Structure formats: structure tokens, C-alpha cells
């Protein structure tokens, strides 16, 4: 029974996603985010680290380490995109 539900749900989702307008919308979103996804994720990570640090979930050392790792991701992405 569970297999049938998954199959029906998959068919419905495929039908919706295969529509021309939806495909064009996803292509526009993909084009707009081209080259920006790494920066968005890294900045989101920094914001998450700052929130966790303020709440006391992370120590000072852990927060600094995580922020440095996010900055490294940004610089590596910038270096890769220029080559």
C-alpha cells in the first residue's frame, strides 16, 4: 500500500514539474543563482554560527573556527570562478 501511495505521489509531482511554465521558472531561478549558491550558503553558515554563539551553543573557539571555514569556502569559490 505504501508503494502505491509513493508511486501516485511521484506521478503527480512529475506531472506538475514537467509543465512548461514550471520548467521555465526553475530555469530562471537556476540562472539567477548561477555562481551565487556558495556565497549564500557561506553567509547563511556565518549567520547560523553567530546565532549559535549568542545562544551559548558554540564556544568562542568553535565559532571562530566555523566562521573562518565559511570565509575559506568563499575565497576558494572566488578563486575557482576566476580561472
Protein backbone atom coordinates (compact mmCIF):
# COMPACT_ATOMS: atom_id res chain seq x y z
CA UNK A 1 0.00 0.00 0.00
CA UNK A 2 2.82 2.40 0.87
CA UNK A 3 4.46 1.74 -2.52
CA UNK A 4 1.25 2.70 -4.33
CA UNK A 5 0.99 5.99 -2.42
CA UNK A 6 4.59 6.84 -3.26
CA UNK A 7 4.05 5.95 -6.90
CA UNK A 8 0.90 8.08 -7.20
CA UNK A 9 2.56 10.99 -5.43
CA UNK A 10 5.59 10.66 -7.72
CA UNK A 11 3.35 10.69 -10.81
CA UNK A 12 1.55 13.82 -9.59
CA UNK A 13 4.83 15.62 -8.84
CA UNK A 14 6.31 14.61 -12.21
CA UNK A 15 3.20 15.89 -13.98
CA UNK A 16 3.41 19.25 -12.22
CA UNK A 17 7.16 19.67 -12.67
CA UNK A 18 7.06 18.70 -16.34
CA UNK A 19 4.83 21.61 -17.23
CA UNK A 20 6.47 24.21 -19.44
CA UNK A 21 5.88 27.20 -17.15
CA UNK A 22 7.27 25.45 -14.11
CA UNK A 23 10.36 24.35 -16.03
CA UNK A 24 10.94 27.91 -17.25
CA UNK A 25 10.56 29.24 -13.71
CA UNK A 26 13.12 26.75 -12.36
CA UNK A 27 15.50 27.59 -15.21
CA UNK A 28 15.23 31.30 -14.38
CA UNK A 29 15.92 30.60 -10.70
CA UNK A 30 18.87 28.39 -11.61
CA UNK A 31 20.28 31.08 -13.91
CA UNK A 32 19.84 33.76 -11.25
CA UNK A 33 21.65 31.65 -8.64
CA UNK A 34 24.43 30.62 -11.00
CA UNK A 35 27.69 31.33 -9.25
CA UNK A 36 25.97 32.64 -6.13
CA UNK A 37 24.98 29.48 -4.29
CA UNK A 38 28.29 29.06 -2.44
CA UNK A 39 28.18 32.64 -1.21
CA UNK A 40 24.60 32.25 0.00
CA UNK A 41 25.42 29.03 1.87
CA UNK A 42 28.59 30.51 3.42
CA UNK A 43 26.81 33.65 4.57
CA UNK A 44 23.97 31.54 5.97
CA UNK A 45 26.54 29.46 7.84
CA UNK A 46 28.10 32.59 9.34
CA UNK A 47 24.68 33.82 10.46
CA UNK A 48 23.92 30.41 11.96
CA UNK A 49 27.25 30.36 13.77
CA UNK A 50 26.63 33.83 15.20
CA UNK A 51 23.17 32.80 16.40
CA UNK A 52 24.55 29.63 17.99
CA UNK A 53 27.39 31.60 19.61
CA UNK A 54 25.00 34.18 21.07
CA UNK A 55 22.80 31.38 22.44
CA UNK A 56 25.82 29.72 24.02
CA UNK A 57 25.69 26.57 21.92
CA UNK A 58 29.17 27.22 20.50
CA UNK A 59 32.28 28.29 22.35
CA UNK A 60 34.32 31.23 21.16
CA UNK A 61 36.93 28.96 19.57
CA UNK A 62 34.32 26.85 17.76
CA UNK A 63 32.57 29.96 16.45
CA UNK A 64 35.79 31.50 15.14
CA UNK A 65 36.78 28.21 13.51
CA UNK A 66 33.39 27.86 11.78
CA UNK A 67 33.47 31.46 10.55
CA UNK A 68 36.99 31.00 9.17
CA UNK A 69 35.84 27.84 7.36
CA UNK A 70 32.93 29.72 5.80
CA UNK A 71 35.25 32.52 4.69
CA UNK A 72 37.61 29.93 3.22
CA UNK A 73 34.73 28.49 1.21
CA UNK A 74 34.01 31.96 -0.17
CA UNK A 75 37.64 32.59 -1.12
CA UNK A 76 38.04 29.16 -2.72
CA UNK A 77 34.87 29.74 -4.74
CA UNK A 78 36.11 33.17 -5.83
CA UNK A 79 39.45 31.67 -6.87
CA UNK A 80 37.86 28.85 -8.82
CA UNK A 81 35.48 31.15 -10.68
CA UNK A 82 38.33 33.36 -11.92
CA UNK A 83 40.28 30.53 -13.54
